Amino acid sequence: MADHNELGREGESFAADYLASKGYTIVAQNWTYQKAEIDLIARMDDILCFVEVKTRTNVDFGLPQDMVKSKKIQTMVRAMDAFMQQQPEDLQARLDIIALLKTPAGFDVTHLEDAYYYF
């Protein structure tokens, strides 16, 4: 397995644990709809958070959150809509980014809530 794939899986696992430690319930991981994949879907109260996790080992080419491009946002929004239509409850939806920078000491975490507004 390529190192970047392993780093991505490690980052997604860390992000799921991070969200759980903040009181979120993980609803789904690596949920797919058509060509879109949502790394994590987490719930807190009446909000479903659709989370893109970006993990890097350095910022030489930009911050992890800057690697989420508009095309990715568009496909995520379509997938979010499909997932929300399957829910029996009336819930709110939110798009988040968890940006992770791996350091020798662990991960530096930036959690951007309502990341749609980041762009």
PDB file of N, CA and C in Angstrom:
ATOM      1  N   MET A   1       0.852  -1.176   0.000  1.00  0.00           N
ATOM      2  CA  MET A   1       0.000   0.000   0.000  1.00  0.00           C
ATOM      3  C   MET A   1       0.896   1.237   0.000  1.00  0.00           C
ATOM      4  N   ALA A   2       0.538   2.239  -0.767  1.00  0.00           N
ATOM      5  CA  ALA A   2       1.318   3.463  -0.848  1.00  0.00           C
ATOM      6  C   ALA A   2       1.286   4.192   0.488  1.00  0.00           C
ATOM      7  N   ASP A   3       2.397   4.866   0.797  1.00  0.00           N
ATOM      8  CA  ASP A   3       2.498   5.581   2.066  1.00  0.00           C
ATOM      9  C   ASP A   3       1.403   6.627   2.229  1.00  0.00           C
ATOM     10  N   HIS A   4       1.050   7.332   1.135  1.00  0.00           N
ATOM     11  CA  HIS A   4       0.025   8.367   1.255  1.00  0.00           C
ATOM     12  C   HIS A   4      -1.344   7.767   1.556  1.00  0.00           C
ATOM     13  N   ASN A   5      -1.621   6.561   1.066  1.00  0.00           N
ATOM     14  CA  ASN A   5      -2.888   5.896   1.395  1.00  0.00           C
ATOM     15  C   ASN A   5      -2.934   5.537   2.872  1.00  0.00           C
ATOM     16  N   GLU A   6      -1.825   5.036   3.382  1.00  0.00           N
ATOM     17  CA  GLU A   6      -1.747   4.690   4.807  1.00  0.00           C
ATOM     18  C   GLU A   6      -1.893   5.946   5.666  1.00  0.00           C
ATOM     19  N   LEU A   7      -1.238   7.023   5.265  1.00  0.00           N
ATOM     20  CA  LEU A   7      -1.351   8.286   5.993  1.00  0.00           C
ATOM     21  C   LEU A   7      -2.803   8.762   5.998  1.00  0.00           C
ATOM     22  N   GLY A   8      -3.473   8.652   4.868  1.00  0.00           N
ATOM     23  CA  GLY A   8      -4.877   9.052   4.787  1.00  0.00           C
ATOM     24  C   GLY A   8      -5.765   8.237   5.704  1.00  0.00           C
ATOM     25  N   ARG A   9      -5.553   6.938   5.736  1.00  0.00           N
ATOM     26  CA  ARG A   9      -6.345   6.068   6.628  1.00  0.00           C
ATOM     27  C   ARG A   9      -6.062   6.392   8.099  1.00  0.00           C
ATOM     28  N   GLU A  10      -4.799   6.614   8.394  1.00  0.00           N
ATOM     29  CA  GLU A  10      -4.430   6.974   9.768  1.00  0.00           C
ATOM     30  C   GLU A  10      -5.089   8.299  10.159  1.00  0.00           C
ATOM     31  N   GLY A  11      -5.086   9.249   9.243  1.00  0.00           N
ATOM     32  CA  GLY A  11      -5.719  10.536   9.509  1.00  0.00           C
ATOM     33  C   GLY A  11      -7.218  10.417   9.714  1.00  0.00           C
ATOM     34  N   GLU A  12      -7.878   9.620   8.894  1.00  0.00           N
ATOM     35  CA  GLU A  12      -9.328   9.442   9.036  1.00  0.00           C
ATOM     36  C   GLU A  12      -9.674   8.765  10.357  1.00  0.00           C
ATOM     37  N   SER A  13      -8.874   7.800  10.756  1.00  0.00           N
ATOM     38  CA  SER A  13      -9.094   7.132  12.039  1.00  0.00           C
ATOM     39  C   SER A  13      -8.905   8.118  13.193  1.00  0.00           C
ATOM     40  N   PHE A  14      -7.851   8.922  13.111  1.00  0.00           N
ATOM     41  CA  PHE A  14      -7.604   9.931  14.142  1.00  0.00           C
ATOM     42  C   PHE A  14      -8.757  10.930  14.188  1.00  0.00           C
ATOM     43  N   ALA A  15      -9.221  11.377  13.019  1.00  0.00           N
ATOM     44  CA  ALA A  15     -10.312  12.350  12.961  1.00  0.00           C
ATOM     45  C   ALA A  15     -11.595  11.787  13.571  1.00  0.00           C
ATOM     46  N   ALA A  16     -11.884  10.517  13.321  1.00  0.00           N
ATOM     47  CA  ALA A  16     -13.072   9.884  13.914  1.00  0.00           C
ATOM     48  C   ALA A  16     -12.953   9.867  15.436  1.00  0.00           C
ATOM     49  N   ASP A  17     -11.784   9.511  15.939  1.00  0.00           N
ATOM     50  CA  ASP A  17     -11.563   9.513  17.390  1.00  0.00           C
ATOM     51  C   ASP A  17     -11.664  10.928  17.956  1.00  0.00           C
ATOM     52  N   TYR A  18     -11.124  11.884  17.231  1.00  0.00           N
ATOM     53  CA  TYR A  18     -11.180  13.286  17.644  1.00  0.00           C
ATOM     54  C   TYR A  18     -12.634  13.741  17.778  1.00  0.00           C
ATOM     55  N   LEU A  19     -13.439  13.471  16.750  1.00  0.00           N
ATOM     56  CA  LEU A  19     -14.848  13.873  16.797  1.00  0.00           C
ATOM     57  C   LEU A  19     -15.581  13.184  17.944  1.00  0.00           C
ATOM     58  N   ALA A  20     -15.325  11.898  18.127  1.00  0.00           N
ATOM     59  CA  ALA A  20     -15.968  11.162  19.227  1.00  0.00           C
ATOM     60  C   ALA A  20     -15.597  11.786  20.570  1.00  0.00           C
ATOM     61  N   SER A  21     -14.350  12.216  20.712  1.00  0.00           N
ATOM     62  CA  SER A  21     -13.913  12.828  21.976  1.00  0.00           C
ATOM     63  C   SER A  21     -14.587  14.176  22.214  1.00  0.00           C
ATOM     64  N   LYS A  22     -15.100  14.789  21.155  1.00  0.00           N
ATOM     65  CA  LYS A  22     -15.806  16.069  21.259  1.00  0.00           C
ATOM     66  C   LYS A  22     -17.315  15.882  21.410  1.00  0.00           C
ATOM     67  N   GLY A  23     -17.769  14.625  21.499  1.00  0.00           N
ATOM     68  CA  GLY A  23     -19.181  14.362  21.723  1.00  0.00           C
ATOM     69  C   GLY A  23     -19.983  13.996  20.490  1.00  0.00           C
ATOM     70  N   TYR A  24     -19.332  13.875  19.351  1.00  0.00           N
ATOM     71  CA  TYR A  24     -20.019  13.470  18.126  1.00  0.00           C
ATOM     72  C   TYR A  24     -20.195  11.953  18.110  1.00  0.00           C
ATOM     73  N   THR A  25     -21.224  11.503  17.441  1.00  0.00           N
ATOM     74  CA  THR A  25     -21.423  10.084  17.165  1.00  0.00           C
ATOM     75  C   THR A  25     -21.082   9.857  15.698  1.00  0.00           C
ATOM     76  N   ILE A  26     -20.195   8.910  15.435  1.00  0.00           N
ATOM     77  CA  ILE A  26     -19.830   8.604  14.054  1.00  0.00           C
ATOM     78  C   ILE A  26     -20.945   7.757  13.448  1.00  0.00           C
ATOM     79  N   VAL A  27     -21.549   8.266  12.393  1.00  0.00           N
ATOM     80  CA  VAL A  27     -22.671   7.610  11.725  1.00  0.00           C
ATOM     81  C   VAL A  27     -22.178   6.724  10.583  1.00  0.00           C
ATOM     82  N   ALA A  28     -21.178   7.205   9.853  1.00  0.00           N
ATOM     83  CA  ALA A  28     -20.650   6.451   8.709  1.00  0.00           C
ATOM     84  C   ALA A  28     -19.221   6.891   8.414  1.00  0.00           C
ATOM     85  N   GLN A  29     -18.472   5.976   7.833  1.00  0.00           N
ATOM     86  CA  GLN A  29     -17.116   6.270   7.380  1.00  0.00           C
ATOM     87  C   GLN A  29     -16.996   5.829   5.924  1.00  0.00           C
ATOM     88  N   ASN A  30     -16.348   6.649   5.136  1.00  0.00           N
ATOM     89  CA  ASN A  30     -16.112   6.361   3.719  1.00  0.00           C
ATOM     90  C   ASN A  30     -17.422   6.039   2.992  1.00  0.00           C
ATOM     91  N   TRP A  31     -18.422   6.868   3.216  1.00  0.00           N
ATOM     92  CA  TRP A  31     -19.727   6.692   2.589  1.00  0.00           C
ATOM     93  C   TRP A  31     -19.653   7.199   1.156  1.00  0.00           C
ATOM     94  N   THR A  32     -20.147   6.391   0.217  1.00  0.00           N
ATOM     95  CA  THR A  32     -20.059   6.775  -1.191  1.00  0.00           C
ATOM     96  C   THR A  32     -21.439   6.960  -1.808  1.00  0.00           C
ATOM     97  N   TYR A  33     -21.478   7.881  -2.735  1.00  0.00           N
ATOM     98  CA  TYR A  33     -22.663   8.136  -3.547  1.00  0.00           C
ATOM     99  C   TYR A  33     -22.164   8.533  -4.929  1.00  0.00           C
ATOM    100  N   GLN A  34     -22.509   7.739  -5.909  1.00  0.00           N
ATOM    101  CA  GLN A  34     -22.015   7.944  -7.272  1.00  0.00           C
ATOM    102  C   GLN A  34     -20.486   8.052  -7.230  1.00  0.00           C
ATOM    103  N   LYS A  35     -19.920   9.187  -7.644  1.00  0.00           N
ATOM    104  CA  LYS A  35     -18.460   9.323  -7.654  1.00  0.00           C
ATOM    105  C   LYS A  35     -17.918  10.009  -6.405  1.00  0.00           C
ATOM    106  N   ALA A  36     -18.787  10.340  -5.483  1.00  0.00           N
ATOM    107  CA  ALA A  36     -18.374  11.073  -4.287  1.00  0.00           C
ATOM    108  C   ALA A  36     -18.130  10.123  -3.125  1.00  0.00           C
ATOM    109  N   GLU A  37     -17.143  10.453  -2.331  1.00  0.00           N
ATOM    110  CA  GLU A  37     -16.921   9.737  -1.075  1.00  0.00           C
ATOM    111  C   GLU A  37     -16.830  10.767   0.036  1.00  0.00           C
ATOM    112  N   ILE A  38     -17.569  10.520   1.092  1.00  0.00           N
ATOM    113  CA  ILE A  38     -17.498  11.371   2.272  1.00  0.00           C
ATOM    114  C   ILE A  38     -16.733  10.585   3.324  1.00  0.00           C
ATOM    115  N   ASP A  39     -15.645  11.177   3.799  1.00  0.00           N
ATOM    116  CA  ASP A  39     -14.761  10.469   4.721  1.00  0.00           C
ATOM    117  C   ASP A  39     -15.481  10.078   6.009  1.00  0.00           C
ATOM    118  N   LEU A  40     -16.152  11.047   6.625  1.00  0.00           N
ATOM    119  CA  LEU A  40     -16.855  10.791   7.886  1.00  0.00           C
ATOM    120  C   LEU A  40     -18.198  11.506   7.883  1.00  0.00           C
ATOM    121  N   ILE A  41     -19.182  10.844   8.448  1.00  0.00           N
ATOM    122  CA  ILE A  41     -20.455  11.491   8.737  1.00  0.00           C
ATOM    123  C   ILE A  41     -20.650  11.330  10.232  1.00  0.00           C
ATOM    124  N   ALA A  42     -20.786  12.470  10.899  1.00  0.00           N
ATOM    125  CA  ALA A  42     -20.886  12.464  12.359  1.00  0.00           C
ATOM    126  C   ALA A  42     -22.107  13.275  12.775  1.00  0.00           C
ATOM    127  N   ARG A  43     -22.670  12.888  13.898  1.00  0.00           N
ATOM    128  CA  ARG A  43     -23.870  13.575  14.380  1.00  0.00           C
ATOM    129  C   ARG A  43     -23.633  14.135  15.772  1.00  0.00           C
ATOM    130  N   MET A  44     -24.112  15.368  15.949  1.00  0.00           N
ATOM    131  CA  MET A  44     -24.197  15.958  17.279  1.00  0.00           C
ATOM    132  C   MET A  44     -25.552  16.646  17.359  1.00  0.00           C
ATOM    133  N   ASP A  45     -26.342  16.204  18.303  1.00  0.00           N
ATOM    134  CA  ASP A  45     -27.696  16.723  18.464  1.00  0.00           C
ATOM    135  C   ASP A  45     -28.469  16.549  17.152  1.00  0.00           C
ATOM    136  N   ASP A  46     -28.986  17.637  16.587  1.00  0.00           N
ATOM    137  CA  ASP A  46     -29.775  17.513  15.355  1.00  0.00           C
ATOM    138  C   ASP A  46     -28.983  17.946  14.115  1.00  0.00           C
ATOM    139  N   ILE A  47     -27.656  17.863  14.208  1.00  0.00           N
ATOM    140  CA  ILE A  47     -26.796  18.251  13.084  1.00  0.00           C
ATOM    141  C   ILE A  47     -26.009  17.047  12.589  1.00  0.00           C
ATOM    142  N   LEU A  48     -26.093  16.797  11.289  1.00  0.00           N
ATOM    143  CA  LEU A  48     -25.226  15.808  10.647  1.00  0.00           C
ATOM    144  C   LEU A  48     -24.072  16.561  10.005  1.00  0.00           C
ATOM    145  N   CYS A  49     -22.865  16.182  10.380  1.00  0.00           N
ATOM    146  CA  CYS A  49     -21.660  16.812   9.845  1.00  0.00           C
ATOM    147  C   CYS A  49     -21.033  15.882   8.822  1.00  0.00           C
ATOM    148  N   PHE A  50     -20.847  16.392   7.636  1.00  0.00           N
ATOM    149  CA  PHE A  50     -20.211  15.655   6.552  1.00  0.00           C
ATOM    150  C   PHE A  50     -18.779  16.162   6.485  1.00  0.00           C
ATOM    151  N   VAL A  51     -17.839  15.281   6.785  1.00  0.00           N
ATOM    152  CA  VAL A  51     -16.466  15.705   7.054  1.00  0.00           C
ATOM    153  C   VAL A  51     -15.498  15.192   5.991  1.00  0.00           C
ATOM    154  N   GLU A  52     -14.746  16.120   5.434  1.00  0.00           N
ATOM    155  CA  GLU A  52     -13.621  15.791   4.565  1.00  0.00           C
ATOM    156  C   GLU A  52     -12.362  15.883   5.422  1.00  0.00           C
ATOM    157  N   VAL A  53     -11.584  14.821   5.434  1.00  0.00           N
ATOM    158  CA  VAL A  53     -10.347  14.785   6.215  1.00  0.00           C
ATOM    159  C   VAL A  53      -9.173  14.920   5.252  1.00  0.00           C
ATOM    160  N   LYS A  54      -8.305  15.873   5.533  1.00  0.00           N
ATOM    161  CA  LYS A  54      -7.092  16.061   4.737  1.00  0.00           C
ATOM    162  C   LYS A  54      -5.895  15.958   5.673  1.00  0.00           C
ATOM    163  N   THR A  55      -4.985  15.058   5.332  1.00  0.00           N
ATOM    164  CA  THR A  55      -3.818  14.803   6.170  1.00  0.00           C
ATOM    165  C   THR A  55      -2.556  15.055   5.359  1.00  0.00           C
ATOM    166  N   ARG A  56      -1.632  15.773   5.959  1.00  0.00           N
ATOM    167  CA  ARG A  56      -0.345  16.058   5.321  1.00  0.00           C
ATOM    168  C   ARG A  56       0.774  15.877   6.348  1.00  0.00           C
ATOM    169  N   THR A  57       1.980  15.696   5.827  1.00  0.00           N
ATOM    170  CA  THR A  57       3.158  15.607   6.702  1.00  0.00           C
ATOM    171  C   THR A  57       3.943  16.910   6.702  1.00  0.00           C
ATOM    172  N   ASN A  58       3.624  17.812   5.768  1.00  0.00           N
ATOM    173  CA  ASN A  58       4.254  19.135   5.747  1.00  0.00           C
ATOM    174  C   ASN A  58       3.341  20.082   4.974  1.00  0.00           C
ATOM    175  N   VAL A  59       3.686  21.353   5.028  1.00  0.00           N
ATOM    176  CA  VAL A  59       2.860  22.355   4.346  1.00  0.00           C
ATOM    177  C   VAL A  59       3.608  22.974   3.165  1.00  0.00           C
ATOM    178  N   ASP A  60       4.574  22.252   2.632  1.00  0.00           N
ATOM    179  CA  ASP A  60       5.367  22.761   1.508  1.00  0.00           C
ATOM    180  C   ASP A  60       4.499  23.161   0.317  1.00  0.00           C
ATOM    181  N   PHE A  61       3.416  22.450   0.100  1.00  0.00           N
ATOM    182  CA  PHE A  61       2.549  22.727  -1.046  1.00  0.00           C
ATOM    183  C   PHE A  61       1.214  23.332  -0.625  1.00  0.00           C
ATOM    184  N   GLY A  62       1.109  23.786   0.602  1.00  0.00           N
ATOM    185  CA  GLY A  62      -0.111  24.415   1.083  1.00  0.00           C
ATOM    186  C   GLY A  62      -0.679  23.702   2.296  1.00  0.00           C
ATOM    187  N   LEU A  63      -1.600  24.368   2.941  1.00  0.00           N
ATOM    188  CA  LEU A  63      -2.264  23.809   4.113  1.00  0.00           C
ATOM    189  C   LEU A  63      -3.181  22.666   3.691  1.00  0.00           C
ATOM    190  N   PRO A  64      -3.384  21.697   4.572  1.00  0.00           N
ATOM    191  CA  PRO A  64      -4.252  20.569   4.204  1.00  0.00           C
ATOM    192  C   PRO A  64      -5.641  21.012   3.737  1.00  0.00           C
ATOM    193  N   GLN A  65      -6.238  21.963   4.434  1.00  0.00           N
ATOM    194  CA  GLN A  65      -7.591  22.400   4.077  1.00  0.00           C
ATOM    195  C   GLN A  65      -7.632  23.083   2.708  1.00  0.00           C
ATOM    196  N   ASP A  66      -6.511  23.618   2.262  1.00  0.00           N
ATOM    197  CA  ASP A  66      -6.479  24.260   0.951  1.00  0.00           C
ATOM    198  C   ASP A  66      -6.474  23.249  -0.192  1.00  0.00           C
ATOM    199  N   MET A  67      -6.318  21.986   0.130  1.00  0.00           N
ATOM    200  CA  MET A  67      -6.326  20.939  -0.889  1.00  0.00           C
ATOM    201  C   MET A  67      -7.745  20.482  -1.243  1.00  0.00           C
ATOM    202  N   VAL A  68      -8.738  20.996  -0.534  1.00  0.00           N
ATOM    203  CA  VAL A  68     -10.138  20.696  -0.857  1.00  0.00           C
ATOM    204  C   VAL A  68     -10.576  21.706  -1.913  1.00  0.00           C
ATOM    205  N   LYS A  69     -10.753  21.242  -3.109  1.00  0.00           N
ATOM    206  CA  LYS A  69     -11.064  22.111  -4.249  1.00  0.00           C
ATOM    207  C   LYS A  69     -12.579  22.206  -4.470  1.00  0.00           C
ATOM    208  N   SER A  70     -12.981  23.175  -5.275  1.00  0.00           N
ATOM    209  CA  SER A  70     -14.411  23.421  -5.494  1.00  0.00           C
ATOM    210  C   SER A  70     -15.119  22.210  -6.099  1.00  0.00           C
ATOM    211  N   LYS A  71     -14.457  21.469  -6.958  1.00  0.00           N
ATOM    212  CA  LYS A  71     -15.059  20.259  -7.549  1.00  0.00           C
ATOM    213  C   LYS A  71     -15.395  19.246  -6.449  1.00  0.00           C
ATOM    214  N   LYS A  72     -14.502  19.097  -5.474  1.00  0.00           N
ATOM    215  CA  LYS A  72     -14.741  18.184  -4.352  1.00  0.00           C
ATOM    216  C   LYS A  72     -15.944  18.657  -3.543  1.00  0.00           C
ATOM    217  N   ILE A  73     -16.028  19.954  -3.309  1.00  0.00           N
ATOM    218  CA  ILE A  73     -17.167  20.508  -2.569  1.00  0.00           C
ATOM    219  C   ILE A  73     -18.468  20.202  -3.317  1.00  0.00           C
ATOM    220  N   GLN A  74     -18.472  20.384  -4.620  1.00  0.00           N
ATOM    221  CA  GLN A  74     -19.679  20.124  -5.417  1.00  0.00           C
ATOM    222  C   GLN A  74     -20.117  18.669  -5.311  1.00  0.00           C
ATOM    223  N   THR A  75     -19.173  17.741  -5.422  1.00  0.00           N
ATOM    224  CA  THR A  75     -19.553  16.327  -5.331  1.00  0.00           C
ATOM    225  C   THR A  75     -19.997  15.975  -3.918  1.00  0.00           C
ATOM    226  N   MET A  76     -19.369  16.594  -2.917  1.00  0.00           N
ATOM    227  CA  MET A  76     -19.793  16.340  -1.537  1.00  0.00           C
ATOM    228  C   MET A  76     -21.209  16.843  -1.289  1.00  0.00           C
ATOM    229  N   VAL A  77     -21.534  18.001  -1.820  1.00  0.00           N
ATOM    230  CA  VAL A  77     -22.873  18.565  -1.617  1.00  0.00           C
ATOM    231  C   VAL A  77     -23.932  17.650  -2.233  1.00  0.00           C
ATOM    232  N   ARG A  78     -23.659  17.100  -3.403  1.00  0.00           N
ATOM    233  CA  ARG A  78     -24.608  16.143  -4.011  1.00  0.00           C
ATOM    234  C   ARG A  78     -24.766  14.904  -3.128  1.00  0.00           C
ATOM    235  N   ALA A  79     -23.652  14.407  -2.617  1.00  0.00           N
ATOM    236  CA  ALA A  79     -23.704  13.230  -1.747  1.00  0.00           C
ATOM    237  C   ALA A  79     -24.421  13.552  -0.435  1.00  0.00           C
ATOM    238  N   MET A  80     -24.157  14.729   0.110  1.00  0.00           N
ATOM    239  CA  MET A  80     -24.841  15.151   1.339  1.00  0.00           C
ATOM    240  C   MET A  80     -26.351  15.156   1.131  1.00  0.00           C
ATOM    241  N   ASP A  81     -26.774  15.720   0.012  1.00  0.00           N
ATOM    242  CA  ASP A  81     -28.200  15.789  -0.297  1.00  0.00           C
ATOM    243  C   ASP A  81     -28.806  14.389  -0.370  1.00  0.00           C
ATOM    244  N   ALA A  82     -28.117  13.473  -1.037  1.00  0.00           N
ATOM    245  CA  ALA A  82     -28.615  12.094  -1.154  1.00  0.00           C
ATOM    246  C   ALA A  82     -28.715  11.438   0.218  1.00  0.00           C
ATOM    247  N   PHE A  83     -27.715  11.635   1.056  1.00  0.00           N
ATOM    248  CA  PHE A  83     -27.731  11.039   2.392  1.00  0.00           C
ATOM    249  C   PHE A  83     -28.868  11.632   3.224  1.00  0.00           C
ATOM    250  N   MET A  84     -29.038  12.942   3.158  1.00  0.00           N
ATOM    251  CA  MET A  84     -30.078  13.609   3.945  1.00  0.00           C
ATOM    252  C   MET A  84     -31.474  13.140   3.542  1.00  0.00           C
ATOM    253  N   GLN A  85     -31.677  12.858   2.269  1.00  0.00           N
ATOM    254  CA  GLN A  85     -32.984  12.391   1.807  1.00  0.00           C
ATOM    255  C   GLN A  85     -33.324  11.013   2.363  1.00  0.00           C
ATOM    256  N   GLN A  86     -32.316  10.260   2.770  1.00  0.00           N
ATOM    257  CA  GLN A  86     -32.538   8.928   3.334  1.00  0.00           C
ATOM    258  C   GLN A  86     -32.867   8.962   4.827  1.00  0.00           C
ATOM    259  N   GLN A  87     -32.716  10.131   5.454  1.00  0.00           N
ATOM    260  CA  GLN A  87     -32.886  10.211   6.898  1.00  0.00           C
ATOM    261  C   GLN A  87     -34.354  10.373   7.281  1.00  0.00           C
ATOM    262  N   PRO A  88     -34.811   9.596   8.255  1.00  0.00           N
ATOM    263  CA  PRO A  88     -36.208   9.703   8.671  1.00  0.00           C
ATOM    264  C   PRO A  88     -36.478  10.958   9.505  1.00  0.00           C
ATOM    265  N   GLU A  89     -35.428  11.526  10.098  1.00  0.00           N
ATOM    266  CA  GLU A  89     -35.596  12.704  10.945  1.00  0.00           C
ATOM    267  C   GLU A  89     -35.301  13.973  10.151  1.00  0.00           C
ATOM    268  N   ASP A  90     -35.799  15.086  10.673  1.00  0.00           N
ATOM    269  CA  ASP A  90     -35.497  16.383  10.082  1.00  0.00           C
ATOM    270  C   ASP A  90     -34.230  16.908  10.752  1.00  0.00           C
ATOM    271  N   LEU A  91     -33.109  16.733  10.088  1.00  0.00           N
ATOM    272  CA  LEU A  91     -31.816  17.125  10.640  1.00  0.00           C
ATOM    273  C   LEU A  91     -31.204  18.243   9.814  1.00  0.00           C
ATOM    274  N   GLN A  92     -30.310  18.986  10.441  1.00  0.00           N
ATOM    275  CA  GLN A  92     -29.536  19.991   9.725  1.00  0.00           C
ATOM    276  C   GLN A  92     -28.278  19.332   9.174  1.00  0.00           C
ATOM    277  N   ALA A  93     -27.747  19.895   8.111  1.00  0.00           N
ATOM    278  CA  ALA A  93     -26.516  19.373   7.507  1.00  0.00           C
ATOM    279  C   ALA A  93     -25.435  20.441   7.571  1.00  0.00           C
ATOM    280  N   ARG A  94     -24.214  19.969   7.771  1.00  0.00           N
ATOM    281  CA  ARG A  94     -23.073  20.881   7.820  1.00  0.00           C
ATOM    282  C   ARG A  94     -21.873  20.211   7.166  1.00  0.00           C
ATOM    283  N   LEU A  95     -21.124  20.970   6.394  1.00  0.00           N
ATOM    284  CA  LEU A  95     -19.910  20.463   5.768  1.00  0.00           C
ATOM    285  C   LEU A  95     -18.713  20.951   6.581  1.00  0.00           C
ATOM    286  N   ASP A  96     -17.912  20.013   7.077  1.00  0.00           N
ATOM    287  CA  ASP A  96     -16.721  20.344   7.857  1.00  0.00           C
ATOM    288  C   ASP A  96     -15.480  19.815   7.163  1.00  0.00           C
ATOM    289  N   ILE A  97     -14.358  20.426   7.478  1.00  0.00           N
ATOM    290  CA  ILE A  97     -13.060  19.898   7.074  1.00  0.00           C
ATOM    291  C   ILE A  97     -12.245  19.699   8.338  1.00  0.00           C
ATOM    292  N   ILE A  98     -11.633  18.540   8.444  1.00  0.00           N
ATOM    293  CA  ILE A  98     -10.636  18.334   9.490  1.00  0.00           C
ATOM    294  C   ILE A  98      -9.297  18.234   8.784  1.00  0.00           C
ATOM    295  N   ALA A  99      -8.448  19.225   9.052  1.00  0.00           N
ATOM    296  CA  ALA A  99      -7.117  19.294   8.454  1.00  0.00           C
ATOM    297  C   ALA A  99      -6.109  18.813   9.493  1.00  0.00           C
ATOM    298  N   LEU A 100      -5.337  17.816   9.106  1.00  0.00           N
ATOM    299  CA  LEU A 100      -4.365  17.222  10.024  1.00  0.00           C
ATOM    300  C   LEU A 100      -2.958  17.387   9.468  1.00  0.00           C
ATOM    301  N   LEU A 101      -2.064  17.811  10.330  1.00  0.00           N
ATOM    302  CA  LEU A 101      -0.653  17.886   9.994  1.00  0.00           C
ATOM    303  C   LEU A 101       0.072  16.923  10.920  1.00  0.00           C
ATOM    304  N   LYS A 102       0.647  15.876  10.337  1.00  0.00           N
ATOM    305  CA  LYS A 102       1.325  14.864  11.149  1.00  0.00           C
ATOM    306  C   LYS A 102       2.710  15.373  11.532  1.00  0.00           C
ATOM    307  N   THR A 103       2.973  15.320  12.825  1.00  0.00           N
ATOM    308  CA  THR A 103       4.264  15.725  13.368  1.00  0.00           C
ATOM    309  C   THR A 103       4.840  14.550  14.149  1.00  0.00           C
ATOM    310  N   PRO A 104       6.099  14.632  14.555  1.00  0.00           N
ATOM    311  CA  PRO A 104       6.654  13.548  15.373  1.00  0.00           C
ATOM    312  C   PRO A 104       5.872  13.319  16.675  1.00  0.00           C
ATOM    313  N   ALA A 105       5.213  14.362  17.168  1.00  0.00           N
ATOM    314  CA  ALA A 105       4.462  14.255  18.425  1.00  0.00           C
ATOM    315  C   ALA A 105       3.032  13.765  18.224  1.00  0.00           C
ATOM    316  N   GLY A 106       2.580  13.655  16.992  1.00  0.00           N
ATOM    317  CA  GLY A 106       1.197  13.230  16.734  1.00  0.00           C
ATOM    318  C   GLY A 106       0.595  14.040  15.609  1.00  0.00           C
ATOM    319  N   PHE A 107      -0.625  14.519  15.809  1.00  0.00           N
ATOM    320  CA  PHE A 107      -1.308  15.313  14.784  1.00  0.00           C
ATOM    321  C   PHE A 107      -1.653  16.691  15.327  1.00  0.00           C
ATOM    322  N   ASP A 108      -1.426  17.715  14.519  1.00  0.00           N
ATOM    323  CA  ASP A 108      -1.976  19.042  14.776  1.00  0.00           C
ATOM    324  C   ASP A 108      -3.317  19.083  14.056  1.00  0.00           C
ATOM    325  N   VAL A 109      -4.367  19.487  14.765  1.00  0.00           N
ATOM    326  CA  VAL A 109      -5.731  19.426  14.240  1.00  0.00           C
ATOM    327  C   VAL A 109      -6.286  20.824  14.007  1.00  0.00           C
ATOM    328  N   THR A 110      -6.851  21.025  12.838  1.00  0.00           N
ATOM    329  CA  THR A 110      -7.663  22.204  12.560  1.00  0.00           C
ATOM    330  C   THR A 110      -9.024  21.689  12.112  1.00  0.00           C
ATOM    331  N   HIS A 111     -10.055  22.023  12.899  1.00  0.00           N
ATOM    332  CA  HIS A 111     -11.418  21.592  12.568  1.00  0.00           C
ATOM    333  C   HIS A 111     -12.179  22.818  12.087  1.00  0.00           C
ATOM    334  N   LEU A 112     -12.469  22.839  10.807  1.00  0.00           N
ATOM    335  CA  LEU A 112     -13.230  23.938  10.217  1.00  0.00           C
ATOM    336  C   LEU A 112     -14.690  23.529  10.123  1.00  0.00           C
ATOM    337  N   GLU A 113     -15.507  24.085  11.006  1.00  0.00           N
ATOM    338  CA  GLU A 113     -16.939  23.830  10.967  1.00  0.00           C
ATOM    339  C   GLU A 113     -17.563  24.754   9.927  1.00  0.00           C
ATOM    340  N   ASP A 114     -18.619  24.283   9.289  1.00  0.00           N
ATOM    341  CA  ASP A 114     -19.246  25.059   8.210  1.00  0.00           C
ATOM    342  C   ASP A 114     -18.193  25.495   7.200  1.00  0.00           C
ATOM    343  N   ALA A 115     -17.388  24.551   6.771  1.00  0.00           N
ATOM    344  CA  ALA A 115     -16.245  24.850   5.901  1.00  0.00           C
ATOM    345  C   ALA A 115     -16.656  25.417   4.555  1.00  0.00           C
ATOM    346  N   TYR A 116     -17.898  25.241   4.184  1.00  0.00           N
ATOM    347  CA  TYR A 116     -18.378  25.816   2.925  1.00  0.00           C
ATOM    348  C   TYR A 116     -18.088  27.314   2.898  1.00  0.00           C
ATOM    349  N   TYR A 117     -18.165  27.944   4.064  1.00  0.00           N
ATOM    350  CA  TYR A 117     -17.927  29.385   4.159  1.00  0.00           C
ATOM    351  C   TYR A 117     -16.442  29.726   4.124  1.00  0.00           C
ATOM    352  N   TYR A 118     -15.584  28.730   4.316  1.00  0.00           N
ATOM    353  CA  TYR A 118     -14.138  28.928   4.254  1.00  0.00           C
ATOM    354  C   TYR A 118     -13.735  29.337   2.847  1.00  0.00           C
ATOM    355  N   PHE A 119     -14.487  28.861   1.861  1.00  0.00           N
ATOM    356  CA  PHE A 119     -14.155  29.120   0.466  1.00  0.00           C
ATOM    357  C   PHE A 119     -14.856  30.369   0.022  1.00  0.00           C
TER     358      PHE A 119
END
